Amino acid sequence: MDLKQAFGATLRGLRQRKNRTQEDFYIVSSRTYISTLERGIKSPTMEKLDDIASVLGVHPATLIVSTYMEKNNEDLESVLQRIREDLTD
């Protein structure tokens, strides 16, 4: 799975778990744009990632960490351990 597809799957999964529709993102983006993200066609900018996280009510890092978990088929503890090591070196 490539990075765009992993982000799309992450966004779709979080959106559904938070009971949000693509239309709920109208304040920050169009439904069409959200759809292209979920289908792995486009990648968001950092600013757009922050906006999307705000609508979902999650930290932007949640989207990023979840995306890499999806892409690399890793569990949360493995990813967090790697992040801890990277930040303390």
N, C-alpha and C. Protein backbone atom coordinates (compact mmCIF):
# COMPACT_ATOMS: atom_id res chain seq x y z
N MET A 1 0.84 -1.17 0.00
CA MET A 1 0.00 0.00 0.00
C MET A 1 0.89 1.24 0.00
N ASP A 2 0.58 2.19 -0.87
CA ASP A 2 1.40 3.40 -0.87
C ASP A 2 0.88 4.40 0.17
N LEU A 3 1.61 5.46 0.35
CA LEU A 3 1.33 6.41 1.41
C LEU A 3 -0.02 7.12 1.22
N LYS A 4 -0.34 7.50 -0.01
CA LYS A 4 -1.62 8.15 -0.26
C LYS A 4 -2.79 7.22 0.06
N GLN A 5 -2.67 5.97 -0.34
CA GLN A 5 -3.73 5.00 -0.05
C GLN A 5 -3.86 4.77 1.45
N ALA A 6 -2.73 4.70 2.14
CA ALA A 6 -2.75 4.50 3.59
C ALA A 6 -3.42 5.69 4.29
N PHE A 7 -3.10 6.91 3.83
CA PHE A 7 -3.75 8.08 4.42
C PHE A 7 -5.25 8.04 4.15
N GLY A 8 -5.61 7.68 2.93
CA GLY A 8 -7.04 7.59 2.59
C GLY A 8 -7.78 6.61 3.46
N ALA A 9 -7.21 5.44 3.68
CA ALA A 9 -7.84 4.43 4.53
C ALA A 9 -7.93 4.92 5.97
N THR A 10 -6.89 5.61 6.43
CA THR A 10 -6.89 6.16 7.78
C THR A 10 -7.98 7.21 7.94
N LEU A 11 -8.04 8.13 6.99
CA LEU A 11 -9.04 9.19 7.05
C LEU A 11 -10.45 8.62 7.02
N ARG A 12 -10.71 7.70 6.11
CA ARG A 12 -12.03 7.08 6.01
C ARG A 12 -12.40 6.37 7.31
N GLY A 13 -11.44 5.61 7.86
CA GLY A 13 -11.72 4.87 9.10
C GLY A 13 -12.00 5.79 10.28
N LEU A 14 -11.18 6.83 10.45
CA LEU A 14 -11.41 7.77 11.54
C LEU A 14 -12.71 8.53 11.35
N ARG A 15 -12.98 8.94 10.12
CA ARG A 15 -14.22 9.68 9.83
C ARG A 15 -15.43 8.82 10.18
N GLN A 16 -15.41 7.57 9.81
CA GLN A 16 -16.54 6.69 10.10
C GLN A 16 -16.66 6.41 11.60
N ARG A 17 -15.53 6.21 12.29
CA ARG A 17 -15.58 5.97 13.74
C ARG A 17 -16.10 7.19 14.50
N LYS A 18 -15.84 8.37 13.95
CA LYS A 18 -16.30 9.61 14.57
C LYS A 18 -17.69 10.01 14.08
N ASN A 19 -18.31 9.13 13.29
CA ASN A 19 -19.65 9.37 12.74
C ASN A 19 -19.75 10.69 12.00
N ARG A 20 -18.76 10.94 11.15
CA ARG A 20 -18.73 12.14 10.32
C ARG A 20 -18.97 11.74 8.87
N THR A 21 -19.61 12.63 8.13
CA THR A 21 -19.77 12.43 6.69
C THR A 21 -18.74 13.29 5.97
N GLN A 22 -18.54 13.03 4.71
CA GLN A 22 -17.63 13.87 3.94
C GLN A 22 -18.14 15.32 3.91
N GLU A 23 -19.43 15.49 3.95
CA GLU A 23 -20.02 16.82 3.95
C GLU A 23 -19.71 17.60 5.23
N ASP A 24 -19.41 16.90 6.32
CA ASP A 24 -19.09 17.56 7.59
C ASP A 24 -17.80 18.38 7.50
N PHE A 25 -17.02 18.18 6.45
CA PHE A 25 -15.76 18.89 6.29
C PHE A 25 -15.92 20.17 5.49
N TYR A 26 -17.17 20.58 5.24
CA TYR A 26 -17.43 21.74 4.38
C TYR A 26 -16.72 23.01 4.85
N ILE A 27 -16.47 23.14 6.14
CA ILE A 27 -15.82 24.34 6.67
C ILE A 27 -14.38 24.43 6.19
N VAL A 28 -13.72 23.28 6.03
CA VAL A 28 -12.30 23.28 5.66
C VAL A 28 -12.04 22.81 4.24
N SER A 29 -13.02 22.15 3.62
CA SER A 29 -12.78 21.60 2.30
C SER A 29 -14.09 21.14 1.66
N SER A 30 -14.00 20.80 0.40
CA SER A 30 -15.18 20.29 -0.29
C SER A 30 -15.29 18.77 -0.09
N ARG A 31 -16.49 18.26 -0.29
CA ARG A 31 -16.70 16.82 -0.21
C ARG A 31 -15.87 16.12 -1.27
N THR A 32 -15.74 16.74 -2.44
CA THR A 32 -14.95 16.16 -3.52
C THR A 32 -13.49 16.01 -3.12
N TYR A 33 -12.93 17.02 -2.46
CA TYR A 33 -11.53 16.94 -2.03
C TYR A 33 -11.35 15.82 -1.01
N ILE A 34 -12.23 15.73 -0.04
CA ILE A 34 -12.15 14.66 0.98
C ILE A 34 -12.24 13.30 0.28
N SER A 35 -13.11 13.20 -0.70
CA SER A 35 -13.25 11.95 -1.45
C SER A 35 -11.94 11.59 -2.16
N THR A 36 -11.28 12.58 -2.78
CA THR A 36 -10.02 12.28 -3.46
C THR A 36 -8.93 11.86 -2.48
N LEU A 37 -8.96 12.42 -1.27
CA LEU A 37 -8.02 11.98 -0.24
C LEU A 37 -8.30 10.54 0.16
N GLU A 38 -9.57 10.23 0.41
CA GLU A 38 -9.94 8.88 0.84
C GLU A 38 -9.66 7.83 -0.23
N ARG A 39 -9.68 8.23 -1.48
CA ARG A 39 -9.40 7.28 -2.56
C ARG A 39 -7.91 7.19 -2.88
N GLY A 40 -7.08 7.95 -2.16
CA GLY A 40 -5.65 7.88 -2.36
C GLY A 40 -5.16 8.59 -3.61
N ILE A 41 -5.94 9.54 -4.09
CA ILE A 41 -5.56 10.27 -5.30
C ILE A 41 -4.68 11.47 -4.95
N LYS A 42 -4.98 12.13 -3.85
CA LYS A 42 -4.23 13.31 -3.43
C LYS A 42 -3.71 13.13 -2.01
N SER A 43 -2.75 14.00 -1.66
CA SER A 43 -2.23 14.07 -0.29
C SER A 43 -2.49 15.47 0.23
N PRO A 44 -2.80 15.60 1.51
CA PRO A 44 -3.06 16.93 2.06
C PRO A 44 -1.78 17.69 2.39
N THR A 45 -1.86 19.00 2.39
CA THR A 45 -0.77 19.82 2.92
C THR A 45 -0.81 19.73 4.44
N MET A 46 0.21 20.22 5.08
CA MET A 46 0.22 20.24 6.55
C MET A 46 -0.94 21.08 7.09
N GLU A 47 -1.21 22.20 6.45
CA GLU A 47 -2.31 23.05 6.89
C GLU A 47 -3.65 22.33 6.76
N LYS A 48 -3.83 21.64 5.64
CA LYS A 48 -5.08 20.91 5.43
C LYS A 48 -5.19 19.73 6.40
N LEU A 49 -4.07 19.07 6.68
CA LEU A 49 -4.06 17.98 7.66
C LEU A 49 -4.53 18.50 9.02
N ASP A 50 -4.06 19.67 9.40
CA ASP A 50 -4.46 20.28 10.66
C ASP A 50 -5.96 20.59 10.65
N ASP A 51 -6.46 21.10 9.55
CA ASP A 51 -7.90 21.41 9.42
C ASP A 51 -8.74 20.13 9.52
N ILE A 52 -8.31 19.10 8.84
CA ILE A 52 -9.05 17.83 8.86
C ILE A 52 -9.07 17.25 10.27
N ALA A 53 -7.92 17.28 10.94
CA ALA A 53 -7.85 16.77 12.31
C ALA A 53 -8.79 17.55 13.21
N SER A 54 -8.89 18.84 13.00
CA SER A 54 -9.77 19.67 13.80
C SER A 54 -11.24 19.24 13.64
N VAL A 55 -11.65 18.99 12.43
CA VAL A 55 -13.03 18.54 12.18
C VAL A 55 -13.27 17.19 12.84
N LEU A 56 -12.27 16.32 12.79
CA LEU A 56 -12.40 14.99 13.40
C LEU A 56 -12.29 15.02 14.92
N GLY A 57 -11.73 16.10 15.45
CA GLY A 57 -11.53 16.20 16.90
C GLY A 57 -10.37 15.35 17.38
N VAL A 58 -9.34 15.22 16.54
CA VAL A 58 -8.14 14.45 16.90
C VAL A 58 -6.91 15.33 16.72
N HIS A 59 -5.81 14.90 17.32
CA HIS A 59 -4.53 15.58 17.13
C HIS A 59 -4.03 15.25 15.72
N PRO A 60 -3.43 16.21 15.02
CA PRO A 60 -2.91 15.91 13.67
C PRO A 60 -1.94 14.73 13.65
N ALA A 61 -1.17 14.56 14.71
CA ALA A 61 -0.24 13.42 14.77
C ALA A 61 -0.98 12.09 14.73
N THR A 62 -2.22 12.07 15.20
CA THR A 62 -3.03 10.85 15.14
C THR A 62 -3.20 10.41 13.70
N LEU A 63 -3.46 11.35 12.82
CA LEU A 63 -3.62 11.02 11.40
C LEU A 63 -2.31 10.50 10.81
N ILE A 64 -1.22 11.13 11.17
CA ILE A 64 0.07 10.72 10.62
C ILE A 64 0.49 9.35 11.15
N VAL A 65 0.41 9.17 12.47
CA VAL A 65 0.79 7.89 13.07
C VAL A 65 -0.09 6.77 12.53
N SER A 66 -1.39 7.02 12.47
CA SER A 66 -2.31 6.00 11.97
C SER A 66 -2.02 5.65 10.51
N THR A 67 -1.63 6.64 9.74
CA THR A 67 -1.31 6.40 8.33
C THR A 67 -0.11 5.46 8.20
N TYR A 68 0.94 5.71 8.98
CA TYR A 68 2.12 4.85 8.90
C TYR A 68 1.86 3.47 9.50
N MET A 69 0.98 3.39 10.49
CA MET A 69 0.59 2.08 10.99
C MET A 69 -0.09 1.29 9.89
N GLU A 70 -0.97 1.95 9.16
CA GLU A 70 -1.70 1.31 8.04
C GLU A 70 -0.72 0.90 6.94
N LYS A 71 0.15 1.81 6.56
CA LYS A 71 1.08 1.57 5.45
C LYS A 71 2.03 0.42 5.74
N ASN A 72 2.56 0.39 6.96
CA ASN A 72 3.59 -0.60 7.31
C ASN A 72 3.07 -1.78 8.09
N ASN A 73 1.76 -1.82 8.30
CA ASN A 73 1.12 -2.90 9.05
C ASN A 73 1.80 -3.06 10.42
N GLU A 74 1.96 -1.93 11.12
CA GLU A 74 2.59 -1.92 12.44
C GLU A 74 1.55 -1.66 13.53
N ASP A 75 1.86 -2.11 14.72
CA ASP A 75 0.98 -1.82 15.85
C ASP A 75 1.40 -0.50 16.51
N LEU A 76 0.52 0.04 17.30
CA LEU A 76 0.75 1.34 17.91
C LEU A 76 1.99 1.36 18.79
N GLU A 77 2.18 0.35 19.60
CA GLU A 77 3.34 0.33 20.50
C GLU A 77 4.66 0.36 19.75
N SER A 78 4.75 -0.35 18.64
CA SER A 78 5.98 -0.34 17.84
C SER A 78 6.26 1.05 17.29
N VAL A 79 5.23 1.69 16.79
CA VAL A 79 5.40 3.04 16.24
C VAL A 79 5.78 4.02 17.34
N LEU A 80 5.10 3.96 18.47
CA LEU A 80 5.41 4.88 19.57
C LEU A 80 6.81 4.66 20.12
N GLN A 81 7.25 3.42 20.18
CA GLN A 81 8.60 3.13 20.64
C GLN A 81 9.63 3.75 19.69
N ARG A 82 9.40 3.62 18.41
CA ARG A 82 10.29 4.23 17.42
C ARG A 82 10.32 5.74 17.57
N ILE A 83 9.17 6.35 17.77
CA ILE A 83 9.09 7.80 17.93
C ILE A 83 9.83 8.22 19.19
N ARG A 84 9.64 7.49 20.29
CA ARG A 84 10.37 7.79 21.54
C ARG A 84 11.87 7.76 21.31
N GLU A 85 12.33 6.72 20.63
CA GLU A 85 13.77 6.58 20.36
C GLU A 85 14.27 7.72 19.47
N ASP A 86 13.52 8.06 18.45
CA ASP A 86 13.91 9.13 17.54
C ASP A 86 13.99 10.49 18.26
N LEU A 87 13.09 10.72 19.18
CA LEU A 87 13.04 12.02 19.86
C LEU A 87 14.02 12.14 21.00
N THR A 88 14.55 11.02 21.48
CA THR A 88 15.48 11.08 22.59
C THR A 88 16.93 10.90 22.18
N ASP A 89 17.17 10.62 20.92
CA ASP A 89 18.56 10.46 20.43
C ASP A 89 19.20 11.80 20.16
